[in-house]
């Protein structure tokens, strides 16, 4: 087992890995999973990774799941990195790549986090999962819960994306309507402790998202790029891609962690 504890990146407080709370009890900061990088370095190398199937679980040693667990997977990850020469020329840069995350099972990068969160929920003994999404998270959680045989309850607001709502229904989730996104989240948090609440701030969910960064470096020949441009949302995806680059450097798979991170957000 390469992961050892949950760490608060703000105040440095450490918590047992079995903890289900999302935030630091001392300062309220979102917790992150910390690994024994020296132990990982002894068990993982490029040849080992090359011999594995493409996808999120290709990087098992840097994910917070115990060895021997049955992973709840729908074939997420392993998405194509497109080299876009004409687009690069039009914006005046030498090389430009686009990572196409729409080819994940339910159509978004969220599936990377959900595969880890749902697997973790099973490892911890939960029989149901909950969330309060506006779109992608609900569709993803409903799909992975169906795959795992878990009950899934989703609190939705009137702001929910219609296409994603159809996905949630198709995957058999139980739907509850709330007034807005904030009310939906409050309702979800009132549920009993026997169900696993999945949010974009869940430390285990976030660990799955960082595999985008692992794949980018691998697809570039185990090198970093000068800049990574990431949609912001809650900021979790951007911070976790940066974490993944630092981790690859820690375990010796890349030589430096020198990428500049740039977050972008759609207007409105």
Protein backbone atom coordinates (compact mmCIF):
# COMPACT_ATOMS: atom_id res chain seq x y z
CA UNK A 1 0.00 0.00 0.00
CA UNK A 2 1.77 3.17 -1.20
CA UNK A 3 -0.61 5.79 0.18
CA UNK A 4 -0.21 6.57 3.87
CA UNK A 5 -2.38 9.45 5.10
CA UNK A 6 -4.60 12.38 4.22
CA UNK A 7 -2.77 15.71 4.41
CA UNK A 8 -4.04 19.26 4.74
CA UNK A 9 -1.94 21.27 2.25
CA UNK A 10 -2.64 24.51 4.14
CA UNK A 11 -1.86 23.78 7.79
CA UNK A 12 -0.07 20.41 7.49
CA UNK A 13 -2.48 18.44 9.69
CA UNK A 14 -2.46 14.68 8.98
CA UNK A 15 -5.41 12.28 9.14
CA UNK A 16 -5.85 8.53 8.87
CA UNK A 17 -6.58 7.34 5.35
CA UNK A 18 -9.87 5.77 6.58
CA UNK A 19 -11.31 9.20 7.29
CA UNK A 20 -14.37 10.04 5.15
CA UNK A 21 -14.51 13.78 5.85
CA UNK A 22 -13.60 15.98 2.90
CA UNK A 23 -12.03 18.88 4.77
CA UNK A 24 -9.45 19.59 7.44
CA UNK A 25 -11.04 19.83 10.91
CA UNK A 26 -8.57 22.57 11.89
CA UNK A 27 -8.73 25.02 8.95
CA UNK A 28 -11.38 23.73 6.54
CA UNK A 29 -9.02 23.18 3.59
CA UNK A 30 -9.69 20.30 1.19
CA UNK A 31 -7.55 17.28 2.11
CA UNK A 32 -5.20 15.54 -0.28
CA UNK A 33 -3.81 12.00 -0.36
CA UNK A 34 -0.13 11.65 0.49
CA UNK A 35 2.02 8.75 -0.77
CA UNK A 36 5.25 7.07 0.22
CA UNK A 37 7.10 8.12 -2.92
CA UNK A 38 10.25 6.19 -2.04
CA UNK A 39 8.19 2.99 -1.85
CA UNK A 40 6.49 3.80 -5.17
CA UNK A 41 9.86 4.44 -6.79
CA UNK A 42 10.95 0.91 -5.91
CA UNK A 43 7.88 -0.72 -7.50
CA UNK A 44 7.13 1.29 -10.64
CA UNK A 45 9.07 2.10 -13.79
CA UNK A 46 8.34 2.95 -17.42
CA UNK A 47 8.60 -0.67 -18.59
CA UNK A 48 6.06 -1.80 -15.97
CA UNK A 49 3.60 0.86 -17.06
CA UNK A 50 4.14 0.10 -20.77
CA UNK A 51 3.05 -3.51 -20.19
CA UNK A 52 -0.30 -2.47 -18.72
CA UNK A 53 -3.63 -1.72 -20.36
CA UNK A 54 -4.26 1.95 -21.14
CA UNK A 55 -6.49 3.85 -18.75
CA UNK A 56 -6.71 5.34 -15.28
CA UNK A 57 -5.64 2.15 -13.45
CA UNK A 58 -2.41 1.98 -15.46
CA UNK A 59 -0.94 4.14 -12.68
CA UNK A 60 -2.24 2.03 -9.78
CA UNK A 61 0.70 2.71 -7.44
CA UNK A 62 -0.19 6.41 -7.37
CA UNK A 63 -3.90 5.89 -6.67
CA UNK A 64 -5.43 5.47 -3.17
CA UNK A 65 -6.85 1.94 -3.50
CA UNK A 66 -5.56 -1.19 -1.78
CA UNK A 67 -3.88 -3.85 -3.88
CA UNK A 68 -6.24 -6.70 -4.69
CA UNK A 69 -9.39 -4.57 -4.87
CA UNK A 70 -11.70 -5.18 -7.82
CA UNK A 71 -11.69 -1.87 -9.68
CA UNK A 72 -15.04 -0.44 -10.81
CA UNK A 73 -14.14 0.54 -14.36
CA UNK A 74 -15.97 1.34 -17.58
CA UNK A 75 -12.78 1.82 -19.62
CA UNK A 76 -12.07 5.41 -18.61
CA UNK A 77 -8.82 7.20 -19.43
CA UNK A 78 -6.33 6.50 -22.18
CA UNK A 79 -7.77 9.38 -24.20
CA UNK A 80 -6.05 10.60 -27.35
CA UNK A 81 -3.61 13.50 -27.36
CA UNK A 82 -4.06 15.30 -30.68
CA UNK A 83 -1.24 17.33 -32.19
CA UNK A 84 -2.92 20.35 -33.79
CA UNK A 85 -0.40 21.96 -36.16
CA UNK A 86 -2.78 24.29 -37.99
CA UNK A 87 -4.30 25.55 -34.74
CA UNK A 88 -0.80 26.07 -33.34
CA UNK A 89 0.13 28.12 -36.40
CA UNK A 90 -3.01 30.25 -36.12
CA UNK A 91 -2.27 31.19 -32.49
CA UNK A 92 1.46 31.61 -33.09
CA UNK A 93 3.06 28.80 -31.10
CA UNK A 94 5.37 25.97 -32.15
CA UNK A 95 3.46 22.92 -30.88
CA UNK A 96 -0.08 22.56 -29.57
CA UNK A 97 -1.80 19.41 -28.30
CA UNK A 98 -5.43 18.85 -27.28
CA UNK A 99 -6.40 16.05 -24.91
CA UNK A 100 -9.83 14.75 -25.95
CA UNK A 101 -11.59 13.86 -22.70
CA UNK A 102 -15.01 13.58 -24.38
CA UNK A 103 -14.18 9.97 -25.27
CA UNK A 104 -14.49 8.85 -21.64
CA UNK A 105 -17.46 6.51 -20.99
CA UNK A 106 -20.01 9.17 -20.01
CA UNK A 107 -18.41 11.96 -22.03
CA UNK A 108 -16.20 13.85 -19.59
CA UNK A 109 -13.00 13.73 -17.53
CA UNK A 110 -15.21 13.28 -14.44
CA UNK A 111 -15.19 9.52 -15.11
CA UNK A 112 -11.55 9.45 -14.02
CA UNK A 113 -12.51 10.61 -10.55
CA UNK A 114 -15.65 8.51 -10.32
CA UNK A 115 -13.90 5.20 -11.01
CA UNK A 116 -11.62 5.83 -8.02
CA UNK A 117 -14.33 7.25 -5.73
CA UNK A 118 -16.76 4.37 -6.34
CA UNK A 119 -14.01 1.76 -5.95
CA UNK A 120 -13.02 3.47 -2.70
CA UNK A 121 -16.66 3.49 -1.51
CA UNK A 122 -16.83 -0.28 -1.99
CA UNK A 123 -13.50 -0.77 -0.23
CA UNK A 124 -14.88 1.16 2.76
CA UNK A 125 -18.04 -0.97 2.86
CA UNK A 126 -20.65 1.47 1.54
CA UNK A 127 -23.67 0.11 -0.32
CA UNK A 128 -24.91 3.36 -1.83
CA UNK A 129 -23.58 6.68 -3.17
CA UNK A 130 -25.02 10.20 -3.36
CA UNK A 131 -24.25 13.48 -5.09
CA UNK A 132 -25.75 16.88 -5.90
CA UNK A 133 -24.55 17.70 -9.43
CA UNK A 134 -25.51 20.06 -12.23
CA UNK A 135 -24.52 17.62 -14.94
CA UNK A 136 -21.40 15.56 -15.58
CA UNK A 137 -20.88 14.27 -12.04
CA UNK A 138 -24.43 12.94 -11.77
CA UNK A 139 -24.25 11.12 -15.10
CA UNK A 140 -20.88 9.63 -14.21
CA UNK A 141 -21.81 8.55 -10.69
CA UNK A 142 -25.06 6.97 -11.91
CA UNK A 143 -23.14 4.96 -14.52
CA UNK A 144 -20.42 3.71 -12.18
CA UNK A 145 -22.90 2.93 -9.40
CA UNK A 146 -24.88 0.83 -11.87
CA UNK A 147 -21.69 -0.99 -12.86
CA UNK A 148 -20.84 -1.65 -9.20
CA UNK A 149 -24.35 -2.65 -8.17
CA UNK A 150 -24.62 0.25 -5.71
CA UNK A 151 -27.73 2.30 -5.06
CA UNK A 152 -27.37 5.85 -6.35
CA UNK A 153 -29.41 8.85 -5.23
CA UNK A 154 -28.94 12.19 -6.96
CA UNK A 155 -30.25 15.52 -5.72
CA UNK A 156 -30.72 17.73 -8.77
CA UNK A 157 -31.59 21.39 -9.12
CA UNK A 158 -33.49 23.12 -11.91
CA UNK A 159 -30.10 24.14 -13.32
CA UNK A 160 -29.26 20.55 -14.30
CA UNK A 161 -28.16 19.95 -17.89
CA UNK A 162 -30.99 18.16 -19.72
CA UNK A 163 -28.75 15.76 -21.65
CA UNK A 164 -26.98 14.73 -18.47
CA UNK A 165 -30.33 14.30 -16.71
CA UNK A 166 -31.33 11.77 -19.38
CA UNK A 167 -28.10 9.87 -18.69
CA UNK A 168 -28.79 9.74 -14.95
CA UNK A 169 -32.28 8.37 -15.60
CA UNK A 170 -31.00 5.83 -18.12
CA UNK A 171 -28.47 4.49 -15.60
CA UNK A 172 -31.22 3.98 -13.02
CA UNK A 173 -30.37 6.60 -10.40
CA UNK A 174 -33.00 7.72 -7.91
CA UNK A 175 -33.69 11.40 -8.56
CA UNK A 176 -34.68 14.05 -5.99
CA UNK A 177 -35.49 17.63 -7.05
CA UNK A 178 -34.19 20.64 -5.12
CA UNK A 179 -34.63 24.36 -5.68
CA UNK A 180 -31.07 25.20 -6.72
CA UNK A 181 -27.57 23.69 -6.70
CA UNK A 182 -26.80 24.91 -3.16
CA UNK A 183 -30.04 23.43 -1.78
CA UNK A 184 -29.34 20.16 -3.61
CA UNK A 185 -25.93 19.88 -1.94
CA UNK A 186 -27.39 20.66 1.49
CA UNK A 187 -30.00 17.93 1.04
CA UNK A 188 -27.37 15.42 -0.04
CA UNK A 189 -25.26 16.16 3.05
CA UNK A 190 -28.22 15.35 5.32
CA UNK A 191 -28.16 11.71 4.26
CA UNK A 192 -27.03 8.99 6.64
CA UNK A 193 -23.44 7.94 7.19
CA UNK A 194 -24.00 4.59 5.49
CA UNK A 195 -23.92 6.24 2.07
CA UNK A 196 -20.85 7.74 0.39
CA UNK A 197 -21.26 11.37 -0.67
CA UNK A 198 -19.25 12.14 -3.81
CA UNK A 199 -18.34 15.78 -4.45
CA UNK A 200 -15.68 17.47 -6.60
CA UNK A 201 -13.71 18.08 -3.38
CA UNK A 202 -13.54 14.41 -2.35
CA UNK A 203 -9.82 13.56 -1.95
CA UNK A 204 -10.24 10.14 -3.57
CA UNK A 205 -12.28 11.49 -6.46
CA UNK A 206 -9.58 14.11 -7.10
CA UNK A 207 -6.87 11.45 -7.21
CA UNK A 208 -8.55 9.91 -10.25
CA UNK A 209 -8.64 13.26 -12.06
CA UNK A 210 -4.86 13.66 -11.81
CA UNK A 211 -4.34 10.77 -14.23
CA UNK A 212 -4.86 13.26 -17.07
CA UNK A 213 -1.44 14.64 -16.15
CA UNK A 214 0.16 11.19 -16.02
CA UNK A 215 -1.12 10.43 -19.51
CA UNK A 216 0.00 13.75 -20.99
CA UNK A 217 3.57 13.22 -19.78
CA UNK A 218 3.59 9.61 -20.97
CA UNK A 219 2.17 10.53 -24.39
CA UNK A 220 4.88 13.18 -24.77
CA UNK A 221 7.59 10.55 -24.21
CA UNK A 222 7.77 10.99 -20.42
CA UNK A 223 8.36 14.73 -20.66
CA UNK A 224 6.42 17.72 -19.41
CA UNK A 225 5.12 20.48 -21.64
CA UNK A 226 5.73 24.21 -21.21
CA UNK A 227 2.12 25.03 -20.36
CA UNK A 228 -1.09 23.13 -19.56
CA UNK A 229 -4.39 24.95 -20.13
CA UNK A 230 -7.25 23.48 -18.08
CA UNK A 231 -10.94 24.39 -17.63
CA UNK A 232 -11.33 25.67 -14.08
CA UNK A 233 -14.71 24.56 -12.68
CA UNK A 234 -13.95 24.10 -8.98
CA UNK A 235 -10.19 24.20 -9.63
CA UNK A 236 -9.71 20.56 -8.69
CA UNK A 237 -8.70 19.37 -12.14
CA UNK A 238 -6.03 22.05 -12.55
CA UNK A 239 -4.50 21.47 -9.11
CA UNK A 240 -4.50 17.69 -9.53
CA UNK A 241 -2.79 17.78 -12.92
CA UNK A 242 -0.06 19.86 -11.27
CA UNK A 243 0.10 17.29 -8.44
CA UNK A 244 0.48 14.48 -10.97
CA UNK A 245 3.41 16.19 -12.67
CA UNK A 246 5.16 16.69 -9.32
CA UNK A 247 4.53 13.06 -8.39
CA UNK A 248 6.04 11.74 -11.63
CA UNK A 249 9.12 13.80 -10.82
CA UNK A 250 9.16 12.44 -7.22
CA UNK A 251 9.21 8.82 -8.41
CA UNK A 252 11.75 9.44 -11.17
CA UNK A 253 9.55 8.92 -14.25
CA UNK A 254 10.21 12.45 -15.51
CA UNK A 255 13.22 14.69 -14.92
CA UNK A 256 11.55 17.96 -14.00
CA UNK A 257 8.18 19.42 -13.01
CA UNK A 258 8.35 22.62 -15.01
CA UNK A 259 4.93 23.10 -16.61
CA UNK A 260 3.09 26.38 -16.17
CA UNK A 261 -0.57 25.84 -15.26
CA UNK A 262 -3.25 28.08 -16.79
CA UNK A 263 -6.91 27.93 -15.77
CA UNK A 264 -9.68 29.11 -18.08
CA UNK A 265 -13.41 29.51 -17.51
CA UNK A 266 -16.33 30.02 -19.87
CA UNK A 267 -17.84 33.49 -19.57
CA UNK A 268 -21.01 33.43 -17.51
